[in-house]
Amino acid sequence: METGGIWTHWHTHPDVLLGLLLLQGTYLLGIGPVRQRYKLSDVIESRQIASFTLGVIIIFLSLVSPLHVLGDEYLFSAHMIQHVLLTLIAPPLLIVGTPGWLIRPLFRLKFLFRLAKLITNPIIAFSVFNLVFSLWHIPSLYNLSVTNHGIHIAEHLIFIVTAVIMWWPLMSNMSELPRLIYPLQMVYLFLLSVAQIIAFATITFSSEPLYEWYTKSPTLWNISPLVDQQIGGIIMKIGGATLFLTLFVIIFFRWFNEEERKTRLDKEKE
């Protein structure tokens, strides 16, 4: 492909389009006809619909837009942007957009509830996501994923699923599987911000390219494979850490304001 045509190349994988249509369609069916028929809730908030739909759109853009071609055929750094969108941006939007009452009926099956409770335990959720993310960036596995379409699809699905699990303790809308309390959310976010340090350091400070696929790819904008790899490492780590630490500050002020409100209420009762 000529480099000038990258920006107009939309990679219309039927499996991606079908999967996203099924996801969005199931959601709309659940919050509409299913909700009304089984009286799951009187209302659905428009902001939740917008949040979930935006999450689906971000996954769509990540996997179908020219970014996909850039990441698959030219630049490791573009692939890292793709991974950031799939793991750090879309999943929390999907969770925030999913009302607790919509998935609560699933947990009437005890084994499903026990499984969900187990995998959303903060320690397990944190460990599973970071382990999976790091393993997929081992050069041999990474090169396998970009050369085999089926494995590449599996990689992205695993990323999204483990990312949803990782975000659950921070974004849950269910009392049965609740969010962490504010202080623990801050600890969780801090640990997320420093996680994957070994993978980041290996990718960013390597003296030679680690990913054979990109050494054989056409060069774009005179960016060498090594510089591209270093940029990708920075996007992976610094981008994620910035998001986590920003949320850390936001949650700190929410906690502070809640404590202030409790203090005022206690004084009014005296």
Protein backbone atom coordinates (compact mmCIF):
# COMPACT_ATOMS: atom_id res chain seq x y z
CA MET A 1 0.00 0.00 0.00
CA GLU A 2 1.29 3.49 -0.81
CA THR A 3 1.77 5.54 2.34
CA GLY A 4 -0.42 8.32 1.00
CA GLY A 5 -3.40 5.96 0.99
CA ILE A 6 -3.11 4.98 4.65
CA TRP A 7 -5.37 7.76 5.90
CA THR A 8 -8.26 6.67 3.71
CA HIS A 9 -7.91 2.95 4.31
CA TRP A 10 -10.63 1.59 6.61
CA HIS A 11 -10.06 -2.07 7.38
CA THR A 12 -13.58 -3.51 7.30
CA HIS A 13 -13.07 -6.88 8.98
CA PRO A 14 -16.51 -8.60 8.90
CA ASP A 15 -15.78 -10.32 12.22
CA VAL A 16 -15.09 -7.00 13.95
CA LEU A 17 -18.18 -5.32 12.49
CA LEU A 18 -20.40 -8.28 13.34
CA GLY A 19 -19.03 -8.53 16.86
CA LEU A 20 -19.53 -4.82 17.59
CA LEU A 21 -23.02 -4.81 16.06
CA LEU A 22 -23.90 -7.80 18.24
CA LEU A 23 -22.51 -6.09 21.34
CA GLN A 24 -24.33 -2.81 20.73
CA GLY A 25 -27.51 -4.58 19.60
CA THR A 26 -27.60 -6.79 22.70
CA TYR A 27 -27.13 -3.73 24.89
CA LEU A 28 -29.95 -1.79 23.19
CA LEU A 29 -32.20 -4.83 23.37
CA GLY A 30 -31.45 -5.17 27.07
CA ILE A 31 -32.09 -1.56 28.03
CA GLY A 32 -35.17 -1.37 25.80
CA PRO A 33 -37.56 -4.30 25.18
CA VAL A 34 -36.04 -6.65 27.79
CA ARG A 35 -36.07 -3.96 30.48
CA GLN A 36 -39.70 -3.12 29.78
CA ARG A 37 -40.90 -6.70 29.47
CA TYR A 38 -39.33 -7.93 32.69
CA LYS A 39 -39.64 -4.59 34.52
CA LEU A 40 -35.94 -4.51 35.34
CA SER A 41 -35.98 -0.74 35.82
CA ASP A 42 -38.29 2.21 35.33
CA VAL A 43 -35.69 4.35 33.59
CA ILE A 44 -32.38 4.21 31.76
CA GLU A 45 -30.11 7.23 32.00
CA SER A 46 -29.16 8.77 28.67
CA ARG A 47 -25.60 9.33 29.89
CA GLN A 48 -25.21 5.59 30.37
CA ILE A 49 -26.36 4.90 26.82
CA ALA A 50 -23.95 7.54 25.56
CA SER A 51 -21.08 6.11 27.61
CA PHE A 52 -21.57 2.53 26.42
CA THR A 53 -22.04 3.58 22.80
CA LEU A 54 -18.92 5.75 22.93
CA GLY A 55 -16.98 2.75 24.23
CA VAL A 56 -18.17 0.67 21.28
CA ILE A 57 -17.30 3.48 18.85
CA ILE A 58 -13.77 3.72 20.27
CA ILE A 59 -13.28 -0.03 19.79
CA PHE A 60 -14.61 0.36 16.24
CA LEU A 61 -12.21 3.19 15.44
CA SER A 62 -9.31 1.31 16.99
CA LEU A 63 -9.88 -1.84 14.94
CA VAL A 64 -11.28 -0.50 11.66
CA SER A 65 -9.87 2.99 11.10
CA PRO A 66 -6.50 3.80 9.44
CA LEU A 67 -4.95 3.44 12.90
CA HIS A 68 -5.33 -0.33 12.47
CA VAL A 69 -3.34 -0.31 9.24
CA LEU A 70 -0.65 1.92 10.75
CA GLY A 71 -0.27 -0.40 13.74
CA ASP A 72 -0.39 -3.65 11.81
CA GLU A 73 1.83 -2.78 8.87
CA TYR A 74 4.03 0.19 9.75
CA LEU A 75 4.45 1.46 13.31
CA PHE A 76 4.74 -0.24 16.69
CA SER A 77 3.84 3.11 18.28
CA ALA A 78 0.51 3.19 16.40
CA HIS A 79 -0.19 -0.32 17.69
CA MET A 80 0.42 0.95 21.23
CA ILE A 81 -2.13 3.72 20.69
CA GLN A 82 -4.53 1.00 19.59
CA HIS A 83 -3.84 -0.96 22.78
CA VAL A 84 -4.35 2.12 24.96
CA LEU A 85 -7.76 2.68 23.36
CA LEU A 86 -8.74 -0.98 23.79
CA THR A 87 -7.60 -1.32 27.41
CA LEU A 88 -7.68 2.10 29.05
CA ILE A 89 -10.36 4.13 27.27
CA ALA A 90 -13.13 1.86 25.96
CA PRO A 91 -13.53 -0.60 28.89
CA PRO A 92 -14.34 1.96 31.63
CA LEU A 93 -16.87 3.56 29.30
CA LEU A 94 -18.54 0.18 28.73
CA ILE A 95 -18.74 -0.48 32.48
CA VAL A 96 -20.06 2.98 33.37
CA GLY A 97 -22.65 2.61 30.62
CA THR A 98 -23.91 -0.76 31.89
CA PRO A 99 -26.61 -0.44 34.58
CA GLY A 100 -26.36 -2.91 37.43
CA TRP A 101 -29.94 -4.08 36.88
CA LEU A 102 -29.11 -5.11 33.32
CA ILE A 103 -26.60 -7.81 34.27
CA ARG A 104 -27.91 -8.66 37.74
CA PRO A 105 -30.22 -11.44 36.42
CA LEU A 106 -27.14 -13.28 35.13
CA PHE A 107 -25.84 -13.60 38.65
CA ARG A 108 -28.87 -15.54 39.81
CA LEU A 109 -26.77 -18.45 38.59
CA LYS A 110 -24.57 -18.98 41.63
CA PHE A 111 -21.56 -20.24 39.73
CA LEU A 112 -21.55 -17.12 37.54
CA PHE A 113 -21.77 -14.86 40.57
CA ARG A 114 -18.96 -16.71 42.33
CA LEU A 115 -16.81 -16.52 39.23
CA ALA A 116 -17.52 -12.81 38.79
CA LYS A 117 -16.76 -12.15 42.45
CA LEU A 118 -13.49 -14.03 42.13
CA ILE A 119 -12.18 -12.38 38.97
CA THR A 120 -13.21 -8.85 40.04
CA ASN A 121 -11.33 -9.19 43.32
CA PRO A 122 -8.91 -6.25 43.05
CA ILE A 123 -5.79 -8.34 43.57
CA ILE A 124 -6.80 -10.87 40.92
CA ALA A 125 -8.12 -8.22 38.51
CA PHE A 126 -4.89 -6.22 38.81
CA SER A 127 -2.67 -9.28 38.43
CA VAL A 128 -4.52 -10.87 35.52
CA PHE A 129 -4.60 -7.69 33.43
CA ASN A 130 -0.96 -6.76 33.93
CA LEU A 131 0.26 -10.32 33.42
CA VAL A 132 -1.73 -10.75 30.20
CA PHE A 133 -0.69 -7.34 28.86
CA SER A 134 2.98 -7.99 29.57
CA LEU A 135 2.97 -11.51 28.13
CA TRP A 136 1.48 -10.36 24.82
CA HIS A 137 4.39 -7.92 24.44
CA ILE A 138 7.00 -10.66 24.60
CA PRO A 139 8.57 -10.39 21.09
CA SER A 140 7.76 -13.97 20.03
CA LEU A 141 4.07 -13.70 21.01
CA TYR A 142 3.77 -10.19 19.63
CA ASN A 143 5.23 -11.16 16.26
CA LEU A 144 2.89 -14.17 16.16
CA SER A 145 -0.13 -11.94 16.76
CA VAL A 146 0.67 -9.50 13.94
CA THR A 147 1.31 -12.30 11.46
CA ASN A 148 -1.77 -14.42 12.28
CA HIS A 149 -5.20 -12.81 11.97
CA GLY A 150 -6.97 -15.30 14.24
CA ILE A 151 -4.43 -14.88 17.01
CA HIS A 152 -4.58 -11.13 16.59
CA ILE A 153 -8.35 -11.19 17.12
CA ALA A 154 -7.89 -13.39 20.20
CA GLU A 155 -5.26 -10.98 21.56
CA HIS A 156 -7.57 -7.98 21.27
CA LEU A 157 -10.51 -9.85 22.79
CA ILE A 158 -8.35 -10.94 25.72
CA PHE A 159 -7.13 -7.36 26.16
CA ILE A 160 -10.67 -5.99 26.28
CA VAL A 161 -11.99 -8.68 28.64
CA THR A 162 -9.08 -8.45 31.08
CA ALA A 163 -9.25 -4.65 30.95
CA VAL A 164 -12.96 -4.73 31.86
CA ILE A 165 -12.05 -6.96 34.81
CA MET A 166 -9.22 -4.60 35.80
CA TRP A 167 -11.47 -1.51 35.68
CA TRP A 168 -14.37 -3.14 37.53
CA PRO A 169 -13.18 -2.33 41.09
CA LEU A 170 -13.08 1.34 40.05
CA MET A 171 -16.19 1.66 37.88
CA SER A 172 -18.73 -0.94 39.03
CA ASN A 173 -22.43 -0.05 39.08
CA MET A 174 -23.40 -3.13 41.10
CA SER A 175 -23.75 -3.29 44.89
CA GLU A 176 -23.14 -7.05 44.73
CA LEU A 177 -19.75 -6.46 43.09
CA PRO A 178 -19.01 -3.00 44.43
CA ARG A 179 -16.31 -0.47 43.76
CA LEU A 180 -13.44 -0.16 46.18
CA ILE A 181 -13.75 2.53 48.82
CA TYR A 182 -12.00 5.77 47.90
CA PRO A 183 -8.71 5.19 49.78
CA LEU A 184 -8.33 1.73 48.25
CA GLN A 185 -9.20 3.08 44.81
CA MET A 186 -6.28 5.47 45.19
CA VAL A 187 -3.92 2.65 46.16
CA TYR A 188 -5.18 0.57 43.23
CA LEU A 189 -4.64 3.42 40.77
CA PHE A 190 -1.17 4.14 42.09
CA LEU A 191 -0.18 0.51 41.66
CA LEU A 192 -1.61 0.51 38.13
CA SER A 193 0.45 3.59 37.33
CA VAL A 194 3.71 1.82 38.21
CA ALA A 195 2.80 -1.63 36.91
CA GLN A 196 4.45 -3.08 33.80
CA ILE A 197 7.64 -1.21 34.60
CA ILE A 198 9.75 -4.15 33.45
CA ALA A 199 7.99 -4.41 30.09
CA PHE A 200 8.17 -0.64 29.65
CA ALA A 201 11.87 -0.47 30.47
CA THR A 202 12.69 -3.41 28.20
CA ILE A 203 10.83 -1.92 25.23
CA THR A 204 11.90 1.70 25.73
CA PHE A 205 15.55 1.29 26.66
CA SER A 206 16.47 -1.60 24.42
CA SER A 207 19.52 -0.85 22.25
CA GLU A 208 17.98 -2.63 19.26
CA PRO A 209 14.50 -3.32 17.87
CA LEU A 210 12.75 -6.20 19.63
CA TYR A 211 9.96 -6.77 17.13
CA GLU A 212 11.12 -8.31 13.87
CA TRP A 213 7.87 -7.46 12.10
CA TYR A 214 8.55 -3.72 12.23
CA THR A 215 12.17 -4.03 11.12
CA LYS A 216 10.80 -5.39 7.82
CA SER A 217 7.97 -2.86 7.52
CA PRO A 218 8.15 0.20 5.25
CA THR A 219 9.58 3.25 7.01
CA LEU A 220 7.17 6.12 7.64
CA TRP A 221 8.23 9.74 8.18
CA ASN A 222 11.88 8.65 8.53
CA ILE A 223 11.14 7.03 11.91
CA SER A 224 13.54 4.16 12.49
CA PRO A 225 12.23 0.91 14.01
CA LEU A 226 14.17 1.58 17.23
CA VAL A 227 12.84 5.12 17.66
CA ASP A 228 9.35 3.88 16.81
CA GLN A 229 9.70 1.20 19.49
CA GLN A 230 10.84 3.78 22.05
CA ILE A 231 7.90 6.04 21.23
CA GLY A 232 5.59 3.05 21.60
CA GLY A 233 7.03 2.23 25.02
CA ILE A 234 6.49 5.81 26.14
CA ILE A 235 2.89 5.77 24.88
CA MET A 236 2.28 2.48 26.70
CA LYS A 237 3.66 3.57 30.05
CA ILE A 238 3.49 7.35 30.28
CA GLY A 239 0.03 7.52 28.69
CA GLY A 240 -1.37 4.95 31.10
CA ALA A 241 0.36 6.42 34.13
CA THR A 242 -0.97 9.89 33.28
CA LEU A 243 -4.54 8.57 33.08
CA PHE A 244 -4.25 6.61 36.33
CA LEU A 245 -2.68 9.48 38.26
CA THR A 246 -5.29 11.93 36.94
CA LEU A 247 -8.01 9.61 38.22
CA PHE A 248 -6.06 9.34 41.49
CA VAL A 249 -6.34 13.11 41.97
CA ILE A 250 -10.03 13.14 41.04
CA ILE A 251 -10.82 10.37 43.50
CA PHE A 252 -8.80 12.07 46.22
CA PHE A 253 -10.97 15.18 45.94
CA ARG A 254 -14.15 13.08 45.86
CA TRP A 255 -13.01 11.39 49.06
CA PHE A 256 -12.07 14.73 50.62
CA ASN A 257 -15.45 16.27 49.73
CA GLU A 258 -17.32 13.23 51.07
CA GLU A 259 -15.45 13.41 54.36
CA GLU A 260 -16.17 17.14 54.57
CA ARG A 261 -19.87 16.50 54.00
CA LYS A 262 -19.93 13.82 56.70
CA THR A 263 -18.21 16.17 59.12
CA ARG A 264 -20.78 18.91 58.45
CA LEU A 265 -23.67 16.47 58.96
CA ASP A 266 -22.19 15.25 62.23
CA LYS A 267 -21.88 18.83 63.48
CA GLU A 268 -25.46 19.59 62.52
CA LYS A 269 -26.66 16.59 64.57
CA GLU A 270 -24.86 17.76 67.70
